Amino acid sequence: MNEARPLPGYLVERYRGWKATKYKENEAWYRHLAQQGQHPRAMVISCCDSRVHVTSVFGADQGEFFLLRNIANSGAAACRRRRASRHLGGGGICGFGAQGAACDRHRPFRLRRGRGLRRDVFGTRPELEEKTSFVGRWMDILRPGYERVKDITDRTERTGALEKQAILISLENLMTFPFVAEAVRGGTLTLHGLWHDTGEGALEQYDAASDRFKPL
């Protein structure tokens, strides 16, 4: 076991600042959250990319969202969280995508990571094809989406298309679980596919009727 080390000083100072200000000013609310348990209005599946800040984008308070973060905002993993989905009541599940692995075409760093997705997961890195590769097997979830867009010749367009395919695949995977499909058909649960551009602050929602993403 690693030797225990003190928490970094900047984290200690930030905690103390939070406790003295935000917590102190909202102490009754925090105590309410602790005593009443959680009653989220929606479940949000988003990428574990550190730049993704879903609660900030929607101006959500603590306790409003049940958040699930994973590589490439995969809906397949969320399906295993049966309790969360069953207890949302009239809420919804939002696939909040285009972060991290699939990437944002408007920032060079993110675009490079997008190319890395196509090359590393669906391309030439043999170690990711090993059955024991967690990342490789996890990203297999997106392989059907890659197959749909791989013939797009423009690199930027292909990257953007793959980002959105990741969201659509998550929605499709969620609907393969009977308890989710039943709730959707019964009107007690809704699914939403959202694509977010971090650099531009844009948000688009998938519209099934037109089969495309539309700006909000």
Protein backbone atom coordinates (compact mmCIF):
# COMPACT_ATOMS: atom_id res chain seq x y z
CA MET A 1 0.00 0.00 0.00
CA ASN A 2 1.27 3.48 -0.83
CA GLU A 3 2.38 5.65 2.05
CA ALA A 4 -0.39 8.01 3.10
CA ARG A 5 0.33 11.59 2.08
CA PRO A 6 -1.41 14.81 3.06
CA LEU A 7 -4.10 16.11 0.74
CA PRO A 8 -2.65 18.73 -1.63
CA GLY A 9 -2.76 22.16 -0.05
CA TYR A 10 -4.82 23.79 -2.79
CA LEU A 11 -7.59 21.23 -2.23
CA VAL A 12 -7.58 21.85 1.51
CA GLU A 13 -7.86 25.60 0.96
CA ARG A 14 -10.68 25.18 -1.55
CA TYR A 15 -12.59 22.94 0.83
CA ARG A 16 -12.23 25.40 3.68
CA GLY A 17 -13.36 28.22 1.43
CA TRP A 18 -16.43 26.22 0.35
CA LYS A 19 -17.30 25.29 3.94
CA ALA A 20 -17.02 28.90 5.09
CA THR A 21 -19.04 30.36 2.22
CA LYS A 22 -21.27 28.22 0.04
CA TYR A 23 -21.98 25.60 2.69
CA LYS A 24 -22.52 28.15 5.44
CA GLU A 25 -24.91 30.16 3.27
CA ASN A 26 -26.90 27.05 2.27
CA GLU A 27 -26.55 24.88 5.35
CA ALA A 28 -30.27 24.15 5.61
CA TRP A 29 -30.35 22.90 2.01
CA TYR A 30 -27.38 20.59 2.51
CA ARG A 31 -28.92 19.17 5.66
CA HIS A 32 -32.17 18.63 3.76
CA LEU A 33 -30.28 16.69 1.07
CA ALA A 34 -28.58 14.53 3.68
CA GLN A 35 -31.78 13.74 5.57
CA GLN A 36 -34.27 13.29 2.72
CA GLY A 37 -32.17 11.13 0.41
CA GLN A 38 -31.82 11.67 -3.31
CA HIS A 39 -34.70 12.36 -5.64
CA PRO A 40 -33.09 13.31 -8.98
CA ARG A 41 -35.19 14.79 -11.74
CA ALA A 42 -33.12 13.18 -14.49
CA MET A 43 -30.27 10.80 -15.11
CA VAL A 44 -27.45 12.10 -17.27
CA ILE A 45 -24.90 9.87 -18.96
CA SER A 46 -21.80 11.83 -19.87
CA CYS A 47 -18.13 11.27 -20.60
CA CYS A 48 -15.52 11.17 -17.86
CA ASP A 49 -13.60 13.92 -19.68
CA SER A 50 -12.68 16.50 -17.03
CA ARG A 51 -13.95 19.32 -19.23
CA VAL A 52 -17.49 18.00 -19.17
CA HIS A 53 -19.53 19.92 -16.58
CA VAL A 54 -23.13 18.93 -17.12
CA THR A 55 -24.53 20.50 -13.97
CA SER A 56 -23.01 23.81 -14.98
CA VAL A 57 -24.40 23.67 -18.52
CA PHE A 58 -27.94 23.14 -17.20
CA GLY A 59 -27.57 25.30 -14.09
CA ALA A 60 -28.54 22.30 -11.95
CA ASP A 61 -28.50 22.25 -8.17
CA GLN A 62 -26.98 19.49 -6.12
CA GLY A 63 -29.31 16.49 -6.09
CA GLU A 64 -31.10 17.33 -9.36
CA PHE A 65 -29.17 14.93 -11.61
CA PHE A 66 -28.19 11.31 -11.18
CA LEU A 67 -24.87 11.39 -13.04
CA LEU A 68 -23.14 8.46 -14.70
CA ARG A 69 -19.78 9.25 -16.27
CA ASN A 70 -17.80 6.81 -18.34
CA ILE A 71 -15.62 6.58 -21.45
CA ALA A 72 -17.47 8.03 -24.45
CA ASN A 73 -20.76 8.48 -22.55
CA SER A 74 -21.85 4.93 -23.25
CA GLY A 75 -25.49 4.08 -22.63
CA ALA A 76 -24.68 0.40 -22.39
CA ALA A 77 -23.07 0.81 -18.96
CA ALA A 78 -25.99 2.89 -17.70
CA CYS A 79 -28.42 0.10 -18.52
CA ARG A 80 -26.92 -1.94 -15.72
CA ARG A 81 -27.92 0.75 -13.22
CA ARG A 82 -31.43 -0.65 -13.04
CA ARG A 83 -32.30 0.98 -9.71
CA ALA A 84 -31.50 4.48 -10.92
CA SER A 85 -33.56 4.13 -14.06
CA ARG A 86 -36.53 2.58 -12.31
CA HIS A 87 -36.68 5.27 -9.63
CA LEU A 88 -36.58 8.37 -11.83
CA GLY A 89 -40.37 8.48 -11.96
CA GLY A 90 -41.38 11.01 -14.59
CA GLY A 91 -37.81 11.99 -15.36
CA GLY A 92 -35.57 11.15 -18.24
CA ILE A 93 -32.21 9.83 -19.30
CA CYS A 94 -30.03 12.20 -21.28
CA GLY A 95 -27.08 10.95 -23.29
CA PHE A 96 -24.75 13.94 -23.11
CA GLY A 97 -22.19 13.23 -25.77
CA ALA A 98 -19.32 14.30 -27.99
CA GLN A 99 -16.89 14.56 -25.12
CA GLY A 100 -13.53 12.90 -24.58
CA ALA A 101 -13.12 9.89 -26.82
CA ALA A 102 -15.27 11.02 -29.70
CA CYS A 103 -14.25 14.65 -29.38
CA ASP A 104 -15.12 18.13 -30.47
CA ARG A 105 -14.13 19.25 -33.94
CA HIS A 106 -13.73 22.91 -32.94
CA ARG A 107 -10.62 22.49 -30.80
CA PRO A 108 -7.33 21.06 -32.15
CA PHE A 109 -6.60 19.00 -29.03
CA ARG A 110 -9.97 17.35 -29.14
CA LEU A 111 -9.74 16.75 -32.86
CA ARG A 112 -6.47 14.91 -32.39
CA ARG A 113 -8.17 12.70 -29.85
CA GLY A 114 -10.93 12.05 -32.35
CA ARG A 115 -8.41 10.82 -34.88
CA GLY A 116 -6.91 8.72 -32.10
CA LEU A 117 -10.26 7.05 -31.54
CA ARG A 118 -10.54 5.95 -35.14
CA ARG A 119 -6.92 4.85 -35.35
CA ASP A 120 -6.47 3.30 -31.92
CA VAL A 121 -9.81 1.63 -31.33
CA PHE A 122 -10.86 0.74 -34.84
CA GLY A 123 -7.44 0.75 -36.45
CA THR A 124 -3.88 -0.32 -35.99
CA ARG A 125 -3.08 -0.76 -32.28
CA PRO A 126 -3.08 -4.54 -31.77
CA GLU A 127 -2.98 -4.33 -27.97
CA LEU A 128 -6.46 -2.82 -28.00
CA GLU A 129 -7.72 -5.83 -29.94
CA GLU A 130 -6.76 -8.15 -27.09
CA LYS A 131 -9.68 -9.62 -25.19
CA THR A 132 -8.08 -8.42 -21.96
CA SER A 133 -7.98 -4.78 -23.09
CA PHE A 134 -10.63 -2.97 -21.05
CA VAL A 135 -10.54 0.18 -23.18
CA GLY A 136 -10.56 -1.76 -26.42
CA ARG A 137 -13.51 -3.91 -25.44
CA TRP A 138 -15.37 -0.94 -23.99
CA MET A 139 -14.95 1.04 -27.20
CA ASP A 140 -16.31 -1.88 -29.19
CA ILE A 141 -19.66 -0.39 -28.20
CA LEU A 142 -19.01 2.36 -30.76
CA ARG A 143 -17.89 0.09 -33.56
CA PRO A 144 -21.32 -0.04 -35.29
CA GLY A 145 -21.33 3.75 -35.41
CA TYR A 146 -17.87 3.82 -36.91
CA GLU A 147 -18.97 1.39 -39.59
CA ARG A 148 -21.79 3.77 -40.51
CA VAL A 149 -19.51 6.78 -41.03
CA LYS A 150 -16.14 5.31 -42.01
CA ASP A 151 -16.66 6.05 -45.71
CA ILE A 152 -17.04 9.80 -45.17
CA THR A 153 -13.94 11.17 -46.88
CA ASP A 154 -13.64 14.53 -45.11
CA ARG A 155 -11.79 13.94 -41.86
CA THR A 156 -13.48 16.70 -39.86
CA GLU A 157 -16.93 15.71 -41.06
CA ARG A 158 -16.23 12.07 -40.26
CA THR A 159 -15.10 12.93 -36.74
CA GLY A 160 -18.24 14.97 -36.10
CA ALA A 161 -20.42 12.19 -37.48
CA LEU A 162 -18.74 9.65 -35.20
CA GLU A 163 -19.33 11.89 -32.19
CA LYS A 164 -23.04 11.86 -32.86
CA GLN A 165 -23.14 8.17 -33.70
CA ALA A 166 -21.81 7.52 -30.20
CA ILE A 167 -24.89 9.23 -28.80
CA LEU A 168 -27.29 7.38 -31.09
CA ILE A 169 -25.75 4.03 -30.20
CA SER A 170 -26.23 4.82 -26.51
CA LEU A 171 -29.91 5.55 -27.13
CA GLU A 172 -30.28 2.33 -29.12
CA ASN A 173 -28.56 0.30 -26.39
CA LEU A 174 -30.79 1.70 -23.69
CA MET A 175 -33.88 0.66 -25.60
CA THR A 176 -32.69 -2.96 -25.75
CA PHE A 177 -33.43 -3.32 -22.04
CA PRO A 178 -37.06 -4.27 -21.44
CA PHE A 179 -37.55 -2.15 -18.31
CA VAL A 180 -36.33 0.96 -20.16
CA ALA A 181 -38.38 0.28 -23.29
CA GLU A 182 -41.46 -0.39 -21.16
CA ALA A 183 -41.06 2.90 -19.27
CA VAL A 184 -40.55 4.84 -22.51
CA ARG A 185 -43.65 3.31 -24.09
CA GLY A 186 -45.63 3.99 -20.93
CA GLY A 187 -44.64 7.64 -20.88
CA THR A 188 -42.90 7.50 -17.49
CA LEU A 189 -39.40 7.84 -18.94
CA THR A 190 -37.97 9.80 -21.86
CA LEU A 191 -34.61 9.43 -23.59
CA HIS A 192 -32.74 12.39 -25.06
CA GLY A 193 -29.56 12.49 -27.14
CA LEU A 194 -27.55 15.69 -26.70
CA TRP A 195 -24.36 16.83 -28.45
CA HIS A 196 -22.33 19.55 -26.75
CA ASP A 197 -19.60 21.75 -28.22
CA THR A 198 -17.48 22.82 -25.25
CA GLY A 199 -15.56 25.53 -27.06
CA GLU A 200 -18.61 27.20 -28.59
CA GLY A 201 -21.06 26.45 -25.80
CA ALA A 202 -23.48 24.93 -28.34
CA LEU A 203 -25.98 22.21 -27.54
CA GLU A 204 -27.87 20.09 -30.07
CA GLN A 205 -30.62 17.54 -29.51
CA TYR A 206 -31.32 14.53 -31.67
CA ASP A 207 -34.68 14.71 -33.44
CA ALA A 208 -35.90 11.25 -34.42
CA ALA A 209 -38.50 12.60 -36.86
CA SER A 210 -35.87 14.24 -39.06
CA ASP A 211 -33.04 11.88 -38.02
CA ARG A 212 -30.67 14.72 -37.29
CA PHE A 213 -29.36 16.86 -34.46
CA LYS A 214 -30.94 20.29 -34.08
CA PRO A 215 -29.54 23.28 -32.15
CA LEU A 216 -31.32 24.23 -28.94
